[in-house]
Amino acid sequence: MSEEKPRSEAYRCGQVYAVIEVLQALRPGGGWKLSGEGYRIDTSVTPMTNLRIAMSEVGKHYIEARLRHPVGEVDKVFGMLRDAMPLKNDFPGRLEGEAPGEFLQGREDQIALIKKETSLRLR
């Protein structure tokens, strides 16, 4: 059995981004903002501001997604948010070096996990 590598704060931020991105995309009208590549790249470098804004809206996305999709499946996605959160009290202000890549990898891995563990149809 292999040991799981500890997730960096940048990787965790990418996981948070993915959960919110999926919840936003599941609501009526879809998720134009977080699914945009420019916004994603910007957040991978300066996550604090964009993730704070996204977190302030996540409840709305969650409720609206539950109106349109199977409640249990949406609840699985929302439940992943807790495990994805960074261990520190806040999101990092700026990511440098390899950290933006870790953010993007965390996002990709989380989306893959959501696709694997739910029956939701994601783009």
C-alpha atoms as a PDB file:
ATOM      1  CA  MET A   1       0.000   0.000   0.000  1.00  0.00           C
ATOM      2  CA  SER A   2       1.476   3.348  -0.991  1.00  0.00           C
ATOM      3  CA  GLU A   3       1.345   6.380   1.217  1.00  0.00           C
ATOM      4  CA  GLU A   4      -0.601   9.318  -0.064  1.00  0.00           C
ATOM      5  CA  LYS A   5       1.542  12.394  -0.641  1.00  0.00           C
ATOM      6  CA  PRO A   6       0.468  15.323   1.563  1.00  0.00           C
ATOM      7  CA  ARG A   7      -1.560  17.849  -0.400  1.00  0.00           C
ATOM      8  CA  SER A   8      -0.070  21.338  -0.597  1.00  0.00           C
ATOM      9  CA  GLU A   9      -2.142  24.404   0.188  1.00  0.00           C
ATOM     10  CA  ALA A  10      -2.061  25.301  -3.518  1.00  0.00           C
ATOM     11  CA  TYR A  11      -3.343  21.835  -4.463  1.00  0.00           C
ATOM     12  CA  ARG A  12      -6.125  22.107  -1.878  1.00  0.00           C
ATOM     13  CA  CYS A  13      -7.107  25.527  -3.254  1.00  0.00           C
ATOM     14  CA  GLY A  14      -7.446  23.919  -6.675  1.00  0.00           C
ATOM     15  CA  GLN A  15      -9.689  21.253  -5.169  1.00  0.00           C
ATOM     16  CA  VAL A  16     -11.888  23.927  -3.561  1.00  0.00           C
ATOM     17  CA  TYR A  17     -12.058  25.768  -6.866  1.00  0.00           C
ATOM     18  CA  ALA A  18     -13.184  22.579  -8.643  1.00  0.00           C
ATOM     19  CA  VAL A  19     -15.970  21.837  -6.161  1.00  0.00           C
ATOM     20  CA  ILE A  20     -17.330  25.379  -6.428  1.00  0.00           C
ATOM     21  CA  GLU A  21     -16.879  25.376 -10.214  1.00  0.00           C
ATOM     22  CA  VAL A  22     -18.938  22.181 -10.521  1.00  0.00           C
ATOM     23  CA  LEU A  23     -21.670  23.453  -8.187  1.00  0.00           C
ATOM     24  CA  GLN A  24     -21.830  26.688 -10.167  1.00  0.00           C
ATOM     25  CA  ALA A  25     -22.025  24.770 -13.453  1.00  0.00           C
ATOM     26  CA  LEU A  26     -24.878  22.578 -12.135  1.00  0.00           C
ATOM     27  CA  ARG A  27     -27.142  25.479 -11.277  1.00  0.00           C
ATOM     28  CA  PRO A  28     -29.636  26.816 -13.805  1.00  0.00           C
ATOM     29  CA  GLY A  29     -27.766  29.077 -16.200  1.00  0.00           C
ATOM     30  CA  GLY A  30     -24.503  27.205 -15.716  1.00  0.00           C
ATOM     31  CA  GLY A  31     -21.116  28.328 -14.494  1.00  0.00           C
ATOM     32  CA  TRP A  32     -19.687  30.861 -16.860  1.00  0.00           C
ATOM     33  CA  LYS A  33     -17.346  32.569 -14.402  1.00  0.00           C
ATOM     34  CA  LEU A  34     -15.340  29.809 -12.735  1.00  0.00           C
ATOM     35  CA  SER A  35     -15.234  27.645 -15.853  1.00  0.00           C
ATOM     36  CA  GLY A  36     -13.452  30.400 -17.771  1.00  0.00           C
ATOM     37  CA  GLU A  37      -9.771  29.691 -18.396  1.00  0.00           C
ATOM     38  CA  GLY A  38      -8.629  33.264 -17.719  1.00  0.00           C
ATOM     39  CA  TYR A  39     -10.373  33.387 -14.345  1.00  0.00           C
ATOM     40  CA  ARG A  40      -8.969  29.952 -13.460  1.00  0.00           C
ATOM     41  CA  ILE A  41      -5.399  30.991 -14.334  1.00  0.00           C
ATOM     42  CA  ASP A  42      -5.769  34.232 -12.362  1.00  0.00           C
ATOM     43  CA  THR A  43      -7.051  32.315  -9.339  1.00  0.00           C
ATOM     44  CA  SER A  44      -4.156  29.838  -9.585  1.00  0.00           C
ATOM     45  CA  VAL A  45      -1.767  32.736  -8.956  1.00  0.00           C
ATOM     46  CA  THR A  46      -3.815  34.863  -6.558  1.00  0.00           C
ATOM     47  CA  PRO A  47      -6.368  32.531  -4.948  1.00  0.00           C
ATOM     48  CA  MET A  48      -7.357  34.526  -1.872  1.00  0.00           C
ATOM     49  CA  THR A  49      -9.601  37.140  -3.468  1.00  0.00           C
ATOM     50  CA  ASN A  50     -11.326  34.935  -6.034  1.00  0.00           C
ATOM     51  CA  LEU A  51     -11.861  31.982  -3.687  1.00  0.00           C
ATOM     52  CA  ARG A  52     -13.250  34.211  -0.943  1.00  0.00           C
ATOM     53  CA  ILE A  53     -15.782  35.592  -3.418  1.00  0.00           C
ATOM     54  CA  ALA A  54     -16.612  32.099  -4.692  1.00  0.00           C
ATOM     55  CA  MET A  55     -17.017  30.769  -1.140  1.00  0.00           C
ATOM     56  CA  SER A  56     -19.439  33.581  -0.335  1.00  0.00           C
ATOM     57  CA  GLU A  57     -21.675  32.368  -3.191  1.00  0.00           C
ATOM     58  CA  VAL A  58     -21.284  28.585  -2.797  1.00  0.00           C
ATOM     59  CA  GLY A  59     -24.456  28.151  -0.734  1.00  0.00           C
ATOM     60  CA  LYS A  60     -26.535  29.737  -3.478  1.00  0.00           C
ATOM     61  CA  HIS A  61     -24.955  27.483  -6.113  1.00  0.00           C
ATOM     62  CA  TYR A  62     -25.571  24.438  -3.909  1.00  0.00           C
ATOM     63  CA  ILE A  63     -29.268  25.178  -3.341  1.00  0.00           C
ATOM     64  CA  GLU A  64     -29.878  26.005  -7.005  1.00  0.00           C
ATOM     65  CA  ALA A  65     -28.038  22.861  -8.163  1.00  0.00           C
ATOM     66  CA  ARG A  66     -30.230  20.730  -5.862  1.00  0.00           C
ATOM     67  CA  LEU A  67     -33.325  22.096  -7.608  1.00  0.00           C
ATOM     68  CA  ARG A  68     -32.086  20.839 -10.965  1.00  0.00           C
ATOM     69  CA  HIS A  69     -30.119  17.638 -10.249  1.00  0.00           C
ATOM     70  CA  PRO A  70     -30.444  14.561  -7.994  1.00  0.00           C
ATOM     71  CA  VAL A  71     -30.108  15.846  -4.439  1.00  0.00           C
ATOM     72  CA  GLY A  72     -27.877  12.992  -3.267  1.00  0.00           C
ATOM     73  CA  GLU A  73     -25.393  13.570  -6.085  1.00  0.00           C
ATOM     74  CA  VAL A  74     -25.209  17.315  -5.491  1.00  0.00           C
ATOM     75  CA  ASP A  75     -24.773  16.632  -1.768  1.00  0.00           C
ATOM     76  CA  LYS A  76     -21.778  14.384  -2.540  1.00  0.00           C
ATOM     77  CA  VAL A  77     -20.091  17.246  -4.398  1.00  0.00           C
ATOM     78  CA  PHE A  78     -20.868  19.789  -1.682  1.00  0.00           C
ATOM     79  CA  GLY A  79     -19.567  17.370   0.955  1.00  0.00           C
ATOM     80  CA  MET A  80     -16.193  17.254  -0.799  1.00  0.00           C
ATOM     81  CA  LEU A  81     -15.646  20.909   0.046  1.00  0.00           C
ATOM     82  CA  ARG A  82     -14.790  20.183   3.676  1.00  0.00           C
ATOM     83  CA  ASP A  83     -11.987  17.779   2.807  1.00  0.00           C
ATOM     84  CA  ALA A  84     -10.610  20.097   0.134  1.00  0.00           C
ATOM     85  CA  MET A  85     -10.253  23.189   2.318  1.00  0.00           C
ATOM     86  CA  PRO A  86      -6.708  24.376   3.055  1.00  0.00           C
ATOM     87  CA  LEU A  87      -5.414  23.518   6.510  1.00  0.00           C
ATOM     88  CA  LYS A  88      -4.605  27.155   7.287  1.00  0.00           C
ATOM     89  CA  ASN A  89      -7.314  29.623   8.276  1.00  0.00           C
ATOM     90  CA  ASP A  90      -7.393  31.383   4.920  1.00  0.00           C
ATOM     91  CA  PHE A  91      -6.484  30.998   1.278  1.00  0.00           C
ATOM     92  CA  PRO A  92      -2.976  32.065   0.241  1.00  0.00           C
ATOM     93  CA  GLY A  93      -2.705  35.578  -1.144  1.00  0.00           C
ATOM     94  CA  ARG A  94      -0.228  34.686  -3.882  1.00  0.00           C
ATOM     95  CA  LEU A  95       1.149  31.436  -5.291  1.00  0.00           C
ATOM     96  CA  GLU A  96       4.589  31.370  -6.875  1.00  0.00           C
ATOM     97  CA  GLY A  97       7.008  28.884  -8.427  1.00  0.00           C
ATOM     98  CA  GLU A  98       5.397  25.476  -8.897  1.00  0.00           C
ATOM     99  CA  ALA A  99       2.378  26.337  -6.749  1.00  0.00           C
ATOM    100  CA  PRO A 100       0.098  27.590  -9.583  1.00  0.00           C
ATOM    101  CA  GLY A 101       0.674  24.253 -11.333  1.00  0.00           C
ATOM    102  CA  GLU A 102      -0.207  22.428  -8.109  1.00  0.00           C
ATOM    103  CA  PHE A 103      -3.421  24.475  -7.944  1.00  0.00           C
ATOM    104  CA  LEU A 104      -4.357  23.458 -11.487  1.00  0.00           C
ATOM    105  CA  GLN A 105      -3.482  19.802 -10.781  1.00  0.00           C
ATOM    106  CA  GLY A 106      -5.662  19.872  -7.655  1.00  0.00           C
ATOM    107  CA  ARG A 107      -8.532  21.195  -9.737  1.00  0.00           C
ATOM    108  CA  GLU A 108      -8.131  18.520 -12.396  1.00  0.00           C
ATOM    109  CA  ASP A 109      -7.852  15.725  -9.832  1.00  0.00           C
ATOM    110  CA  GLN A 110     -10.939  16.937  -7.960  1.00  0.00           C
ATOM    111  CA  ILE A 111     -13.015  17.120 -11.126  1.00  0.00           C
ATOM    112  CA  ALA A 112     -11.908  13.573 -11.977  1.00  0.00           C
ATOM    113  CA  LEU A 113     -12.955  12.464  -8.481  1.00  0.00           C
ATOM    114  CA  ILE A 114     -16.353  14.127  -8.837  1.00  0.00           C
ATOM    115  CA  LYS A 115     -16.885  12.377 -12.182  1.00  0.00           C
ATOM    116  CA  LYS A 116     -15.857   9.056 -10.655  1.00  0.00           C
ATOM    117  CA  GLU A 117     -17.947   9.284  -7.477  1.00  0.00           C
ATOM    118  CA  THR A 118     -21.149  10.824  -8.832  1.00  0.00           C
ATOM    119  CA  SER A 119     -23.510  10.175 -11.693  1.00  0.00           C
ATOM    120  CA  LEU A 120     -23.595  13.872 -12.608  1.00  0.00           C
ATOM    121  CA  ARG A 121     -22.915  14.702 -16.231  1.00  0.00           C
ATOM    122  CA  LEU A 122     -20.117  17.228 -16.381  1.00  0.00           C
ATOM    123  CA  ARG A 123     -18.548  18.824 -19.415  1.00  0.00           C
END
